Amino acid sequence: MLETKVLINLSNHHIHLCAADVEALFGPGHKLTKTKDLMQPGQFACDEVVTIKGPKGSIAKVRVLGPERKETQCEILASEMFKLGVPDCQTRESGKLDGSSPFEIEGPAGTVKKDKGLIVAKRHIHFDPAAGERFGVKDTEIVDLKVPGERGAVFLNVVCRVNAAYALECHLDFDEGNAVGIGNGALGEVIRRS
């Protein structure tokens, strides 16, 4: 019998920075300061925060997550698109940035303009290969996620990401968690489509 229950943690807006942007925003030679480890191995929240700007508005104190990435990427909530003035900001998988929205980042030492990299993160579940087998899912497979409770619902189109670098964890964002009345540590049920 396949496993179905998965831990859900909620993501707020956050940003991943490339090395050049870390230096541009925080000063030459600056290294990110880890404040706490996240559940995904090697990932951590940083002391550093930035302001992100769109054509109409800005969001202050956006947390930087480490380690540095090859490409800068900022994930916002769908409810923040209009505040920034980016109503066409696309829902994307992390790292798939071609054609994503441009934005500006302001740090204590400087400002960086990006021609892409602003996204709403597609809901997803991280699996290590053993967990992928226990759930019967493959990398990039699309499943649905049932969240129980008074305001429970079924989230469609959840991407499975299977990789040895991952730990079993489902990521929804704050908009999605608020909609169904859950917080970090809730359990969901993975519903396979085939």
C-alpha atoms as a PDB file:
ATOM      1  CA  MET A   1       0.000   0.000   0.000  1.00  0.00           C
ATOM      2  CA  LEU A   2       1.430   3.390  -1.010  1.00  0.00           C
ATOM      3  CA  GLU A   3       1.954   6.217   1.473  1.00  0.00           C
ATOM      4  CA  THR A   4      -0.238   9.292   1.068  1.00  0.00           C
ATOM      5  CA  LYS A   5       0.274  11.559   4.106  1.00  0.00           C
ATOM      6  CA  VAL A   6       2.737  14.431   3.718  1.00  0.00           C
ATOM      7  CA  LEU A   7       3.901  17.263   5.981  1.00  0.00           C
ATOM      8  CA  ILE A   8       2.965  20.732   4.745  1.00  0.00           C
ATOM      9  CA  ASN A   9       5.004  23.856   5.458  1.00  0.00           C
ATOM     10  CA  LEU A  10       4.044  27.318   4.270  1.00  0.00           C
ATOM     11  CA  SER A  11       6.288  29.751   2.381  1.00  0.00           C
ATOM     12  CA  ASN A  12       6.118  33.515   2.658  1.00  0.00           C
ATOM     13  CA  HIS A  13       7.628  35.751  -0.021  1.00  0.00           C
ATOM     14  CA  HIS A  14      11.409  35.299  -0.157  1.00  0.00           C
ATOM     15  CA  ILE A  15      14.385  35.745  -2.453  1.00  0.00           C
ATOM     16  CA  HIS A  16      17.345  33.633  -3.594  1.00  0.00           C
ATOM     17  CA  LEU A  17      20.369  35.667  -4.744  1.00  0.00           C
ATOM     18  CA  CYS A  18      23.307  34.952  -7.039  1.00  0.00           C
ATOM     19  CA  ALA A  19      26.797  35.832  -5.733  1.00  0.00           C
ATOM     20  CA  ALA A  20      27.099  39.003  -7.843  1.00  0.00           C
ATOM     21  CA  ASP A  21      23.771  40.330  -6.538  1.00  0.00           C
ATOM     22  CA  VAL A  22      24.741  39.582  -2.911  1.00  0.00           C
ATOM     23  CA  GLU A  23      27.801  41.825  -3.375  1.00  0.00           C
ATOM     24  CA  ALA A  24      25.847  44.524  -5.234  1.00  0.00           C
ATOM     25  CA  LEU A  25      23.153  44.664  -2.534  1.00  0.00           C
ATOM     26  CA  PHE A  26      25.232  44.157   0.626  1.00  0.00           C
ATOM     27  CA  GLY A  27      28.764  45.233  -0.365  1.00  0.00           C
ATOM     28  CA  PRO A  28      31.914  43.665  -1.818  1.00  0.00           C
ATOM     29  CA  GLY A  29      32.958  40.403  -0.165  1.00  0.00           C
ATOM     30  CA  HIS A  30      29.680  40.071   1.767  1.00  0.00           C
ATOM     31  CA  LYS A  31      28.717  36.534   2.773  1.00  0.00           C
ATOM     32  CA  LEU A  32      25.145  35.571   3.718  1.00  0.00           C
ATOM     33  CA  THR A  33      24.526  35.155   7.453  1.00  0.00           C
ATOM     34  CA  LYS A  34      22.644  31.970   8.383  1.00  0.00           C
ATOM     35  CA  THR A  35      19.955  32.431  11.044  1.00  0.00           C
ATOM     36  CA  LYS A  36      18.293  29.021  10.867  1.00  0.00           C
ATOM     37  CA  ASP A  37      18.319  25.837   8.823  1.00  0.00           C
ATOM     38  CA  LEU A  38      15.270  25.011   6.729  1.00  0.00           C
ATOM     39  CA  MET A  39      13.869  21.504   6.313  1.00  0.00           C
ATOM     40  CA  GLN A  40      15.415  21.040   2.865  1.00  0.00           C
ATOM     41  CA  PRO A  41      19.045  19.896   3.331  1.00  0.00           C
ATOM     42  CA  GLY A  42      21.581  22.706   2.944  1.00  0.00           C
ATOM     43  CA  GLN A  43      18.906  25.435   2.675  1.00  0.00           C
ATOM     44  CA  PHE A  44      18.746  28.183   5.305  1.00  0.00           C
ATOM     45  CA  ALA A  45      17.094  31.466   6.208  1.00  0.00           C
ATOM     46  CA  CYS A  46      19.449  34.446   6.360  1.00  0.00           C
ATOM     47  CA  ASP A  47      19.724  37.515   8.533  1.00  0.00           C
ATOM     48  CA  GLU A  48      19.703  39.633   5.356  1.00  0.00           C
ATOM     49  CA  VAL A  49      16.518  41.227   3.993  1.00  0.00           C
ATOM     50  CA  VAL A  50      15.888  43.362   0.902  1.00  0.00           C
ATOM     51  CA  THR A  51      13.122  45.524  -0.541  1.00  0.00           C
ATOM     52  CA  ILE A  52      11.655  44.392  -3.848  1.00  0.00           C
ATOM     53  CA  LYS A  53      10.051  46.889  -6.201  1.00  0.00           C
ATOM     54  CA  GLY A  54       7.616  46.643  -9.081  1.00  0.00           C
ATOM     55  CA  PRO A  55       6.120  49.336 -11.333  1.00  0.00           C
ATOM     56  CA  LYS A  56       3.514  50.388  -8.727  1.00  0.00           C
ATOM     57  CA  GLY A  57       4.799  49.492  -5.273  1.00  0.00           C
ATOM     58  CA  SER A  58       7.302  47.704  -3.088  1.00  0.00           C
ATOM     59  CA  ILE A  59       7.570  45.036  -0.402  1.00  0.00           C
ATOM     60  CA  ALA A  60      10.085  45.663   2.389  1.00  0.00           C
ATOM     61  CA  LYS A  61      11.982  43.133   4.521  1.00  0.00           C
ATOM     62  CA  VAL A  62      11.861  40.256   2.049  1.00  0.00           C
ATOM     63  CA  ARG A  63      13.955  37.476   3.602  1.00  0.00           C
ATOM     64  CA  VAL A  64      16.994  36.162   1.729  1.00  0.00           C
ATOM     65  CA  LEU A  65      17.330  32.364   1.668  1.00  0.00           C
ATOM     66  CA  GLY A  66      20.681  30.689   1.224  1.00  0.00           C
ATOM     67  CA  PRO A  67      22.893  29.363  -0.123  1.00  0.00           C
ATOM     68  CA  GLU A  68      23.654  31.607  -3.096  1.00  0.00           C
ATOM     69  CA  ARG A  69      22.090  30.448  -6.350  1.00  0.00           C
ATOM     70  CA  LYS A  70      23.249  30.480  -9.959  1.00  0.00           C
ATOM     71  CA  GLU A  71      20.396  32.901 -10.765  1.00  0.00           C
ATOM     72  CA  THR A  72      18.498  35.406  -8.625  1.00  0.00           C
ATOM     73  CA  GLN A  73      14.848  34.475  -8.097  1.00  0.00           C
ATOM     74  CA  CYS A  74      12.149  36.114  -5.972  1.00  0.00           C
ATOM     75  CA  GLU A  75       8.962  34.285  -5.009  1.00  0.00           C
ATOM     76  CA  ILE A  76       5.940  36.401  -4.080  1.00  0.00           C
ATOM     77  CA  LEU A  77       2.359  35.574  -3.101  1.00  0.00           C
ATOM     78  CA  ALA A  78      -0.375  35.898  -5.738  1.00  0.00           C
ATOM     79  CA  SER A  79      -2.043  38.436  -3.421  1.00  0.00           C
ATOM     80  CA  GLU A  80       1.037  40.697  -3.745  1.00  0.00           C
ATOM     81  CA  MET A  81       1.022  40.973  -7.558  1.00  0.00           C
ATOM     82  CA  PHE A  82      -1.223  44.049  -7.598  1.00  0.00           C
ATOM     83  CA  LYS A  83       0.685  45.770  -4.779  1.00  0.00           C
ATOM     84  CA  LEU A  84       3.832  45.546  -6.916  1.00  0.00           C
ATOM     85  CA  GLY A  85       1.988  46.281 -10.160  1.00  0.00           C
ATOM     86  CA  VAL A  86       2.813  42.963 -11.831  1.00  0.00           C
ATOM     87  CA  PRO A  87      -0.670  41.502 -12.537  1.00  0.00           C
ATOM     88  CA  ASP A  88       0.796  39.117 -15.108  1.00  0.00           C
ATOM     89  CA  CYS A  89       3.423  37.605 -12.755  1.00  0.00           C
ATOM     90  CA  GLN A  90       3.463  33.926 -13.702  1.00  0.00           C
ATOM     91  CA  THR A  91       3.133  30.848 -11.532  1.00  0.00           C
ATOM     92  CA  ARG A  92       6.332  28.899 -12.137  1.00  0.00           C
ATOM     93  CA  GLU A  93       8.439  26.066 -10.837  1.00  0.00           C
ATOM     94  CA  SER A  94      11.530  27.277  -9.030  1.00  0.00           C
ATOM     95  CA  GLY A  95      14.415  27.849 -11.449  1.00  0.00           C
ATOM     96  CA  LYS A  96      12.224  28.115 -14.573  1.00  0.00           C
ATOM     97  CA  LEU A  97      12.667  31.846 -15.036  1.00  0.00           C
ATOM     98  CA  ASP A  98      12.655  32.466 -18.801  1.00  0.00           C
ATOM     99  CA  GLY A  99       9.893  34.967 -19.555  1.00  0.00           C
ATOM    100  CA  SER A 100       9.208  35.678 -15.865  1.00  0.00           C
ATOM    101  CA  SER A 101       8.560  39.212 -14.579  1.00  0.00           C
ATOM    102  CA  PRO A 102      11.257  41.892 -14.223  1.00  0.00           C
ATOM    103  CA  PHE A 103      11.731  43.614 -10.859  1.00  0.00           C
ATOM    104  CA  GLU A 104      14.136  45.704  -8.813  1.00  0.00           C
ATOM    105  CA  ILE A 105      15.930  44.784  -5.581  1.00  0.00           C
ATOM    106  CA  GLU A 106      17.141  47.341  -3.053  1.00  0.00           C
ATOM    107  CA  GLY A 107      19.699  46.439  -0.394  1.00  0.00           C
ATOM    108  CA  PRO A 108      21.706  48.483   2.114  1.00  0.00           C
ATOM    109  CA  ALA A 109      24.663  48.891  -0.286  1.00  0.00           C
ATOM    110  CA  GLY A 110      22.955  49.209  -3.667  1.00  0.00           C
ATOM    111  CA  THR A 111      20.154  48.423  -6.072  1.00  0.00           C
ATOM    112  CA  VAL A 112      19.894  45.731  -8.754  1.00  0.00           C
ATOM    113  CA  LYS A 113      17.488  45.683 -11.708  1.00  0.00           C
ATOM    114  CA  LYS A 114      16.558  42.228 -12.966  1.00  0.00           C
ATOM    115  CA  ASP A 115      14.971  41.610 -16.359  1.00  0.00           C
ATOM    116  CA  LYS A 116      13.418  38.359 -15.051  1.00  0.00           C
ATOM    117  CA  GLY A 117      13.156  36.252 -11.902  1.00  0.00           C
ATOM    118  CA  LEU A 118       9.952  37.384 -10.175  1.00  0.00           C
ATOM    119  CA  ILE A 119       7.479  34.478  -9.872  1.00  0.00           C
ATOM    120  CA  VAL A 120       4.613  33.038  -7.861  1.00  0.00           C
ATOM    121  CA  ALA A 121       5.896  29.600  -6.861  1.00  0.00           C
ATOM    122  CA  LYS A 122       4.013  26.605  -8.205  1.00  0.00           C
ATOM    123  CA  ARG A 123       2.832  24.414  -5.340  1.00  0.00           C
ATOM    124  CA  HIS A 124       5.111  21.396  -5.003  1.00  0.00           C
ATOM    125  CA  ILE A 125       6.216  18.432  -2.907  1.00  0.00           C
ATOM    126  CA  HIS A 126       9.862  17.539  -2.339  1.00  0.00           C
ATOM    127  CA  PHE A 127      10.634  13.807  -2.233  1.00  0.00           C
ATOM    128  CA  ASP A 128      13.913  12.002  -1.677  1.00  0.00           C
ATOM    129  CA  PRO A 129      14.078   8.934  -4.002  1.00  0.00           C
ATOM    130  CA  ALA A 130      13.045   6.481  -1.227  1.00  0.00           C
ATOM    131  CA  ALA A 131      10.011   8.635  -0.357  1.00  0.00           C
ATOM    132  CA  GLY A 132       9.167   8.899  -4.060  1.00  0.00           C
ATOM    133  CA  GLU A 133       9.022   5.094  -4.171  1.00  0.00           C
ATOM    134  CA  ARG A 134       6.897   4.884  -1.009  1.00  0.00           C
ATOM    135  CA  PHE A 135       4.399   7.324  -2.553  1.00  0.00           C
ATOM    136  CA  GLY A 136       4.677   5.796  -6.040  1.00  0.00           C
ATOM    137  CA  VAL A 137       5.540   9.128  -7.691  1.00  0.00           C
ATOM    138  CA  LYS A 138       8.136  10.154 -10.257  1.00  0.00           C
ATOM    139  CA  ASP A 139       9.978  13.463 -10.714  1.00  0.00           C
ATOM    140  CA  THR A 140       7.810  16.148 -12.411  1.00  0.00           C
ATOM    141  CA  GLU A 141       4.629  14.047 -11.928  1.00  0.00           C
ATOM    142  CA  ILE A 142       1.532  16.149 -11.233  1.00  0.00           C
ATOM    143  CA  VAL A 143      -0.642  15.111  -8.270  1.00  0.00           C
ATOM    144  CA  ASP A 144      -3.450  16.642  -6.216  1.00  0.00           C
ATOM    145  CA  LEU A 145      -3.268  17.413  -2.496  1.00  0.00           C
ATOM    146  CA  LYS A 146      -6.224  17.047  -0.126  1.00  0.00           C
ATOM    147  CA  VAL A 147      -6.164  19.214   2.987  1.00  0.00           C
ATOM    148  CA  PRO A 148      -8.716  18.173   5.653  1.00  0.00           C
ATOM    149  CA  GLY A 149     -10.544  20.380   8.134  1.00  0.00           C
ATOM    150  CA  GLU A 150     -13.363  22.891   8.389  1.00  0.00           C
ATOM    151  CA  ARG A 151     -12.018  24.902   5.444  1.00  0.00           C
ATOM    152  CA  GLY A 152     -10.405  21.902   3.751  1.00  0.00           C
ATOM    153  CA  ALA A 153      -9.983  21.675  -0.001  1.00  0.00           C
ATOM    154  CA  VAL A 154      -8.203  19.786  -2.754  1.00  0.00           C
ATOM    155  CA  PHE A 155      -5.303  21.641  -4.387  1.00  0.00           C
ATOM    156  CA  LEU A 156      -4.874  20.607  -8.013  1.00  0.00           C
ATOM    157  CA  ASN A 157      -1.675  20.594 -10.074  1.00  0.00           C
ATOM    158  CA  VAL A 158       0.961  19.950  -7.389  1.00  0.00           C
ATOM    159  CA  VAL A 159       4.400  19.173  -8.871  1.00  0.00           C
ATOM    160  CA  CYS A 160       6.399  16.250  -7.455  1.00  0.00           C
ATOM    161  CA  ARG A 161      10.109  16.980  -7.289  1.00  0.00           C
ATOM    162  CA  VAL A 162      12.149  13.838  -6.640  1.00  0.00           C
ATOM    163  CA  ASN A 163      15.851  14.293  -5.952  1.00  0.00           C
ATOM    164  CA  ALA A 164      18.464  12.846  -3.589  1.00  0.00           C
ATOM    165  CA  ALA A 165      19.118  16.407  -2.326  1.00  0.00           C
ATOM    166  CA  TYR A 166      15.540  16.741  -0.982  1.00  0.00           C
ATOM    167  CA  ALA A 167      13.678  15.808   2.204  1.00  0.00           C
ATOM    168  CA  LEU A 168       9.975  14.868   2.162  1.00  0.00           C
ATOM    169  CA  GLU A 169       7.991  18.106   2.501  1.00  0.00           C
ATOM    170  CA  CYS A 170       5.114  19.854   0.737  1.00  0.00           C
ATOM    171  CA  HIS A 171       5.366  23.598   0.106  1.00  0.00           C
ATOM    172  CA  LEU A 172       2.267  25.747  -0.167  1.00  0.00           C
ATOM    173  CA  ASP A 173       2.429  29.519   0.180  1.00  0.00           C
ATOM    174  CA  PHE A 174       0.745  31.688   2.825  1.00  0.00           C
ATOM    175  CA  ASP A 175      -2.169  32.536   0.495  1.00  0.00           C
ATOM    176  CA  GLU A 176      -2.899  28.840  -0.007  1.00  0.00           C
ATOM    177  CA  GLY A 177      -2.471  27.964   3.683  1.00  0.00           C
ATOM    178  CA  ASN A 178      -4.710  30.833   4.791  1.00  0.00           C
ATOM    179  CA  ALA A 179      -7.389  29.777   2.299  1.00  0.00           C
ATOM    180  CA  VAL A 180      -7.728  26.376   3.992  1.00  0.00           C
ATOM    181  CA  GLY A 181      -6.968  27.525   7.565  1.00  0.00           C
ATOM    182  CA  ILE A 182      -3.689  25.669   8.130  1.00  0.00           C
ATOM    183  CA  GLY A 183      -0.218  26.553   9.399  1.00  0.00           C
ATOM    184  CA  ASN A 184       3.177  24.882   9.300  1.00  0.00           C
ATOM    185  CA  GLY A 185       3.110  21.225  10.294  1.00  0.00           C
ATOM    186  CA  ALA A 186      -0.309  20.380   8.865  1.00  0.00           C
ATOM    187  CA  LEU A 187      -0.750  17.076   7.057  1.00  0.00           C
ATOM    188  CA  GLY A 188      -2.091  16.655   3.554  1.00  0.00           C
ATOM    189  CA  GLU A 189      -3.004  13.638   1.479  1.00  0.00           C
ATOM    190  CA  VAL A 190      -1.327  13.055  -1.866  1.00  0.00           C
ATOM    191  CA  ILE A 191      -3.838  11.958  -4.520  1.00  0.00           C
ATOM    192  CA  ARG A 192      -2.253  10.358  -7.582  1.00  0.00           C
ATOM    193  CA  ARG A 193      -4.007  10.788 -10.901  1.00  0.00           C
ATOM    194  CA  SER A 194      -3.179   7.395 -12.394  1.00  0.00           C
END
